[in-house]
């Protein structure tokens, strides 16, 4: 899916093919087609299309996939689907990102 790009060259997705059992869950849940089956195992076919939503990791019961979900404000983009299309990220953008509950923080949780 070369037409869908998020942030090339900074994606946190890490895939260990040696742990893949071929369950196909990552292929089924990835909204951008980052994975496809190659014989009995999944393979990454378009790393740059990853929006770091974390669906692949949450659905991999074999610890083959790790991704820092929400990095690069993917959480703000996902939240925008539910709040009328407003994409915002950073200090003061609590409506899109939520607020960090840590002490003295003004940064949204998505960033």
C-alpha atoms as a PDB file:
ATOM      1  CA  UNK A   1       0.000   0.000   0.000  1.00  0.00           C
ATOM      2  CA  UNK A   2       2.578   2.527  -1.067  1.00  0.00           C
ATOM      3  CA  UNK A   3      -0.066   5.277  -1.290  1.00  0.00           C
ATOM      4  CA  UNK A   4      -0.684   5.164   2.491  1.00  0.00           C
ATOM      5  CA  UNK A   5       2.280   6.622   4.337  1.00  0.00           C
ATOM      6  CA  UNK A   6       2.632   7.614   7.944  1.00  0.00           C
ATOM      7  CA  UNK A   7       6.206   8.443   8.946  1.00  0.00           C
ATOM      8  CA  UNK A   8       8.739   6.569   6.837  1.00  0.00           C
ATOM      9  CA  UNK A   9      11.984   5.442   8.450  1.00  0.00           C
ATOM     10  CA  UNK A  10      10.866   5.990  12.058  1.00  0.00           C
ATOM     11  CA  UNK A  11       8.452   3.076  12.477  1.00  0.00           C
ATOM     12  CA  UNK A  12       8.883   1.187  15.762  1.00  0.00           C
ATOM     13  CA  UNK A  13       7.400  -2.088  14.456  1.00  0.00           C
ATOM     14  CA  UNK A  14       9.700  -5.067  15.049  1.00  0.00           C
ATOM     15  CA  UNK A  15       8.784  -8.493  13.694  1.00  0.00           C
ATOM     16  CA  UNK A  16      10.479 -11.794  14.606  1.00  0.00           C
ATOM     17  CA  UNK A  17       9.625 -14.283  11.847  1.00  0.00           C
ATOM     18  CA  UNK A  18      11.163 -17.074  13.915  1.00  0.00           C
ATOM     19  CA  UNK A  19       8.324 -16.743  16.440  1.00  0.00           C
ATOM     20  CA  UNK A  20       5.582 -16.609  13.793  1.00  0.00           C
ATOM     21  CA  UNK A  21       3.282 -19.645  13.732  1.00  0.00           C
ATOM     22  CA  UNK A  22       1.339 -18.617  10.649  1.00  0.00           C
ATOM     23  CA  UNK A  23      -1.923 -17.828  12.460  1.00  0.00           C
ATOM     24  CA  UNK A  24      -2.557 -14.913  10.017  1.00  0.00           C
ATOM     25  CA  UNK A  25      -3.925 -12.602  12.716  1.00  0.00           C
ATOM     26  CA  UNK A  26      -1.509  -9.774  11.870  1.00  0.00           C
ATOM     27  CA  UNK A  27      -2.528  -9.968   8.218  1.00  0.00           C
ATOM     28  CA  UNK A  28      -6.221  -9.869   9.145  1.00  0.00           C
ATOM     29  CA  UNK A  29      -6.084  -6.980  11.645  1.00  0.00           C
ATOM     30  CA  UNK A  30      -3.600  -4.593  10.025  1.00  0.00           C
ATOM     31  CA  UNK A  31      -5.589  -1.683   8.531  1.00  0.00           C
ATOM     32  CA  UNK A  32      -2.802  -0.767   6.088  1.00  0.00           C
ATOM     33  CA  UNK A  33      -1.648  -4.129   4.746  1.00  0.00           C
ATOM     34  CA  UNK A  34       1.783  -4.077   6.365  1.00  0.00           C
ATOM     35  CA  UNK A  35       1.811  -7.882   6.561  1.00  0.00           C
ATOM     36  CA  UNK A  36       1.031 -10.661   4.107  1.00  0.00           C
ATOM     37  CA  UNK A  37       1.484 -14.395   4.219  1.00  0.00           C
ATOM     38  CA  UNK A  38       4.569 -15.946   2.654  1.00  0.00           C
ATOM     39  CA  UNK A  39       4.010 -19.667   2.798  1.00  0.00           C
ATOM     40  CA  UNK A  40       3.423 -20.640   6.427  1.00  0.00           C
ATOM     41  CA  UNK A  41       4.607 -17.338   7.949  1.00  0.00           C
ATOM     42  CA  UNK A  42       3.725 -13.699   7.789  1.00  0.00           C
ATOM     43  CA  UNK A  43       6.162 -11.215   6.337  1.00  0.00           C
ATOM     44  CA  UNK A  44       6.371  -7.439   6.420  1.00  0.00           C
ATOM     45  CA  UNK A  45       5.679  -6.107   2.940  1.00  0.00           C
ATOM     46  CA  UNK A  46       5.332  -2.364   3.588  1.00  0.00           C
ATOM     47  CA  UNK A  47       6.857  -1.187   6.857  1.00  0.00           C
ATOM     48  CA  UNK A  48       6.343   2.465   5.914  1.00  0.00           C
ATOM     49  CA  UNK A  49       2.572   1.957   5.793  1.00  0.00           C
ATOM     50  CA  UNK A  50       2.510   1.107   9.513  1.00  0.00           C
ATOM     51  CA  UNK A  51       0.644   3.727  11.540  1.00  0.00           C
ATOM     52  CA  UNK A  52       1.705   2.095  14.825  1.00  0.00           C
ATOM     53  CA  UNK A  53      -1.840   1.367  15.969  1.00  0.00           C
ATOM     54  CA  UNK A  54      -0.685  -1.797  17.759  1.00  0.00           C
ATOM     55  CA  UNK A  55      -3.427  -4.089  16.431  1.00  0.00           C
ATOM     56  CA  UNK A  56      -0.885  -6.618  15.150  1.00  0.00           C
ATOM     57  CA  UNK A  57       0.928  -6.847  18.487  1.00  0.00           C
ATOM     58  CA  UNK A  58      -2.304  -7.116  20.491  1.00  0.00           C
ATOM     59  CA  UNK A  59      -3.453  -9.994  18.299  1.00  0.00           C
ATOM     60  CA  UNK A  60      -0.166 -11.922  18.129  1.00  0.00           C
ATOM     61  CA  UNK A  61      -0.282 -14.621  20.815  1.00  0.00           C
ATOM     62  CA  UNK A  62       3.272 -15.706  20.012  1.00  0.00           C
ATOM     63  CA  UNK A  63       5.240 -12.529  20.876  1.00  0.00           C
ATOM     64  CA  UNK A  64       6.480 -12.163  17.298  1.00  0.00           C
ATOM     65  CA  UNK A  65       5.467  -8.513  16.945  1.00  0.00           C
ATOM     66  CA  UNK A  66       6.382  -5.451  18.989  1.00  0.00           C
ATOM     67  CA  UNK A  67       5.352  -1.882  18.249  1.00  0.00           C
ATOM     68  CA  UNK A  68       5.299   1.264  20.360  1.00  0.00           C
ATOM     69  CA  UNK A  69       1.642   2.046  19.829  1.00  0.00           C
ATOM     70  CA  UNK A  70       0.848   5.741  19.591  1.00  0.00           C
ATOM     71  CA  UNK A  71       4.358   6.889  18.724  1.00  0.00           C
ATOM     72  CA  UNK A  72       4.353   9.807  16.305  1.00  0.00           C
ATOM     73  CA  UNK A  73       0.809  10.729  17.291  1.00  0.00           C
ATOM     74  CA  UNK A  74      -0.889   7.713  15.716  1.00  0.00           C
ATOM     75  CA  UNK A  75      -3.225   7.882  18.713  1.00  0.00           C
ATOM     76  CA  UNK A  76      -4.263  11.399  17.692  1.00  0.00           C
ATOM     77  CA  UNK A  77      -5.024  10.247  14.176  1.00  0.00           C
ATOM     78  CA  UNK A  78      -7.118   7.353  15.454  1.00  0.00           C
ATOM     79  CA  UNK A  79      -8.864   9.648  17.940  1.00  0.00           C
ATOM     80  CA  UNK A  80      -9.694  12.037  15.092  1.00  0.00           C
ATOM     81  CA  UNK A  81     -11.862   9.344  13.552  1.00  0.00           C
ATOM     82  CA  UNK A  82     -14.078   9.605  16.636  1.00  0.00           C
ATOM     83  CA  UNK A  83     -14.035  13.358  17.298  1.00  0.00           C
ATOM     84  CA  UNK A  84     -15.128  14.746  13.964  1.00  0.00           C
ATOM     85  CA  UNK A  85     -11.869  14.620  12.047  1.00  0.00           C
ATOM     86  CA  UNK A  86      -9.768  17.012  14.130  1.00  0.00           C
ATOM     87  CA  UNK A  87      -6.172  15.796  14.229  1.00  0.00           C
ATOM     88  CA  UNK A  88      -4.085  17.501  16.849  1.00  0.00           C
ATOM     89  CA  UNK A  89      -1.092  16.568  18.914  1.00  0.00           C
ATOM     90  CA  UNK A  90       0.983  18.283  21.514  1.00  0.00           C
ATOM     91  CA  UNK A  91       0.533  20.583  24.501  1.00  0.00           C
ATOM     92  CA  UNK A  92      -3.006  21.916  24.673  1.00  0.00           C
ATOM     93  CA  UNK A  93      -4.419  19.236  22.382  1.00  0.00           C
ATOM     94  CA  UNK A  94      -6.124  17.285  25.131  1.00  0.00           C
ATOM     95  CA  UNK A  95      -9.354  17.027  23.136  1.00  0.00           C
ATOM     96  CA  UNK A  96      -7.619  14.910  20.520  1.00  0.00           C
ATOM     97  CA  UNK A  97      -4.985  13.186  22.607  1.00  0.00           C
ATOM     98  CA  UNK A  98      -6.190  13.033  26.182  1.00  0.00           C
ATOM     99  CA  UNK A  99      -4.086  14.371  28.996  1.00  0.00           C
ATOM    100  CA  UNK A 100      -1.041  12.919  30.643  1.00  0.00           C
ATOM    101  CA  UNK A 101      -1.856  12.266  34.281  1.00  0.00           C
ATOM    102  CA  UNK A 102       1.778  12.510  35.354  1.00  0.00           C
ATOM    103  CA  UNK A 103       2.765  15.329  37.670  1.00  0.00           C
ATOM    104  CA  UNK A 104       3.439  18.718  36.092  1.00  0.00           C
ATOM    105  CA  UNK A 105       2.854  17.443  32.560  1.00  0.00           C
ATOM    106  CA  UNK A 106       1.212  19.506  29.839  1.00  0.00           C
ATOM    107  CA  UNK A 107       1.855  17.028  27.067  1.00  0.00           C
ATOM    108  CA  UNK A 108      -0.901  14.961  25.473  1.00  0.00           C
ATOM    109  CA  UNK A 109      -0.671  11.212  25.924  1.00  0.00           C
ATOM    110  CA  UNK A 110      -0.314  10.562  22.209  1.00  0.00           C
ATOM    111  CA  UNK A 111       2.983  12.388  21.817  1.00  0.00           C
END
